[in-house]
C-alpha cells in the first residue's frame, strides 16, 4: 500500500481519535473520520507492545495491510480510519484476521454496500 494511503503523522492520528467514531469487535478497534473531497481512503495501523515483540507486531501489520489490499475496492474513498489491533490478534491466521477486519469495517460503515 502506497504512502498516500496511510495516516502517518501524530497530529492526524489524534484528529481521527478525538473527532472520529469508534467501532470494535474482539480483535480490532476502528476509529473513522469522514473527510470530504478525498480521492481515496487513508488508514493508520496501530499494534501495541501487548501483541508481542517487534517481529510479531510487524507480522500482524503485514497481515492487516494485505487484508486491506484485498478489500481496497470495497472501502469508502472519503474516510480516514485507524485500526488498533488487540493482543488476541497475535494468535490469528491471515484468514481469521481478514474476516475479523471485514466484520469490524462493516460495523464502522467503512465498507461500501
Protein backbone atom coordinates (compact mmCIF):
# COMPACT_ATOMS: atom_id res chain seq x y z
CA UNK A 1 0.00 0.00 0.00
CA UNK A 2 1.44 3.36 -1.04
CA UNK A 3 2.26 6.08 1.48
CA UNK A 4 -0.56 8.26 0.15
CA UNK A 5 -2.97 5.64 1.57
CA UNK A 6 -1.55 5.94 5.09
CA UNK A 7 -2.19 8.19 8.05
CA UNK A 8 1.35 8.78 9.30
CA UNK A 9 1.54 11.93 11.40
CA UNK A 10 0.73 12.01 15.11
CA UNK A 11 -1.46 15.07 14.58
CA UNK A 12 -3.57 13.21 12.00
CA UNK A 13 -3.87 10.15 14.29
CA UNK A 14 -5.06 12.37 17.14
CA UNK A 15 -7.61 14.12 14.94
CA UNK A 16 -9.15 10.76 14.00
CA UNK A 17 -9.14 9.60 17.66
CA UNK A 18 -10.71 12.79 19.00
CA UNK A 19 -13.20 13.60 16.24
CA UNK A 20 -13.89 10.15 14.80
CA UNK A 21 -16.38 7.47 15.77
CA UNK A 22 -15.24 4.08 17.01
CA UNK A 23 -16.42 0.54 16.39
CA UNK A 24 -14.95 -2.64 17.80
CA UNK A 25 -15.06 -6.40 17.89
CA UNK A 26 -12.99 -8.86 19.89
CA UNK A 27 -9.79 -8.34 17.92
CA UNK A 28 -9.88 -4.82 16.47
CA UNK A 29 -10.96 -1.27 17.28
CA UNK A 30 -11.56 1.08 14.34
CA UNK A 31 -11.84 4.87 14.54
CA UNK A 32 -13.37 6.51 11.47
CA UNK A 33 -13.33 10.16 10.45
CA UNK A 34 -15.21 11.16 7.27
CA UNK A 35 -13.27 13.56 5.03
CA UNK A 36 -14.86 15.33 2.07
CA UNK A 37 -13.10 15.78 -1.26
CA UNK A 38 -10.63 12.94 -0.75
CA UNK A 39 -9.65 10.75 -3.72
CA UNK A 40 -9.05 7.60 -1.69
CA UNK A 41 -9.21 6.31 1.87
CA UNK A 42 -6.29 6.66 4.28
CA UNK A 43 -5.54 4.17 7.03
CA UNK A 44 -3.35 4.14 10.12
CA UNK A 45 -2.42 0.88 11.82
CA UNK A 46 -1.54 0.64 15.49
CA UNK A 47 -0.24 -2.56 17.07
CA UNK A 48 0.81 -2.18 20.70
CA UNK A 49 3.53 -3.94 22.65
CA UNK A 50 1.00 -6.22 24.34
CA UNK A 51 0.63 -8.03 21.00
CA UNK A 52 4.22 -9.29 21.20
CA UNK A 53 7.77 -8.48 20.24
CA UNK A 54 8.67 -6.38 17.18
CA UNK A 55 8.73 -9.40 14.86
CA UNK A 56 5.20 -10.44 15.84
CA UNK A 57 3.86 -6.86 15.71
CA UNK A 58 5.28 -6.33 12.22
CA UNK A 59 3.83 -9.65 11.06
CA UNK A 60 0.40 -8.56 12.31
CA UNK A 61 0.75 -5.22 10.49
CA UNK A 62 1.69 -7.00 7.25
CA UNK A 63 -1.37 -9.25 7.54
CA UNK A 64 -3.63 -6.25 8.17
CA UNK A 65 -2.18 -4.39 5.16
CA UNK A 66 -2.61 -7.47 2.96
CA UNK A 67 -6.21 -7.75 4.12
CA UNK A 68 -6.85 -4.11 3.32
CA UNK A 69 -5.27 -4.59 -0.09
CA UNK A 70 -7.85 -7.30 -0.85
CA UNK A 71 -10.69 -5.06 0.39
CA UNK A 72 -9.43 -1.89 -1.31
CA UNK A 73 -12.19 -1.73 -3.94
CA UNK A 74 -14.92 -2.06 -1.28
CA UNK A 75 -13.63 0.67 1.06
CA UNK A 76 -15.21 4.13 1.05
CA UNK A 77 -12.85 6.67 -0.52
CA UNK A 78 -13.84 9.64 1.67
CA UNK A 79 -12.63 8.45 5.09
CA UNK A 80 -9.55 8.34 7.28
CA UNK A 81 -9.54 5.40 9.67
CA UNK A 82 -7.28 3.94 12.33
CA UNK A 83 -7.13 0.21 13.04
CA UNK A 84 -5.97 -0.79 16.50
CA UNK A 85 -5.08 -4.46 16.98
CA UNK A 86 -5.87 -6.02 20.33
CA UNK A 87 -3.46 -8.57 21.88
CA UNK A 88 -5.57 -11.57 20.78
CA UNK A 89 -4.73 -10.80 17.12
CA UNK A 90 -1.25 -12.30 17.53
CA UNK A 91 -2.70 -15.82 17.62
CA UNK A 92 -4.87 -15.50 14.49
CA UNK A 93 -4.18 -16.73 10.96
CA UNK A 94 -4.45 -14.48 7.93
CA UNK A 95 -7.96 -15.74 7.10
CA UNK A 96 -9.15 -15.05 10.65
CA UNK A 97 -7.62 -11.56 10.62
CA UNK A 98 -9.24 -10.92 7.24
CA UNK A 99 -12.73 -11.98 8.38
CA UNK A 100 -12.46 -10.08 11.70
CA UNK A 101 -11.29 -6.97 9.88
CA UNK A 102 -14.16 -7.21 7.38
CA UNK A 103 -16.60 -7.56 10.27
CA UNK A 104 -15.36 -4.50 12.17
CA UNK A 105 -15.13 -2.39 8.99
CA UNK A 106 -18.76 -3.26 8.19
CA UNK A 107 -19.73 -2.23 11.72
CA UNK A 108 -17.89 1.06 11.20
CA UNK A 109 -19.60 1.51 7.80
CA UNK A 110 -16.27 1.84 6.01
CA UNK A 111 -17.07 -0.95 3.53
CA UNK A 112 -19.41 0.20 0.79
CA UNK A 113 -22.51 -1.92 0.24
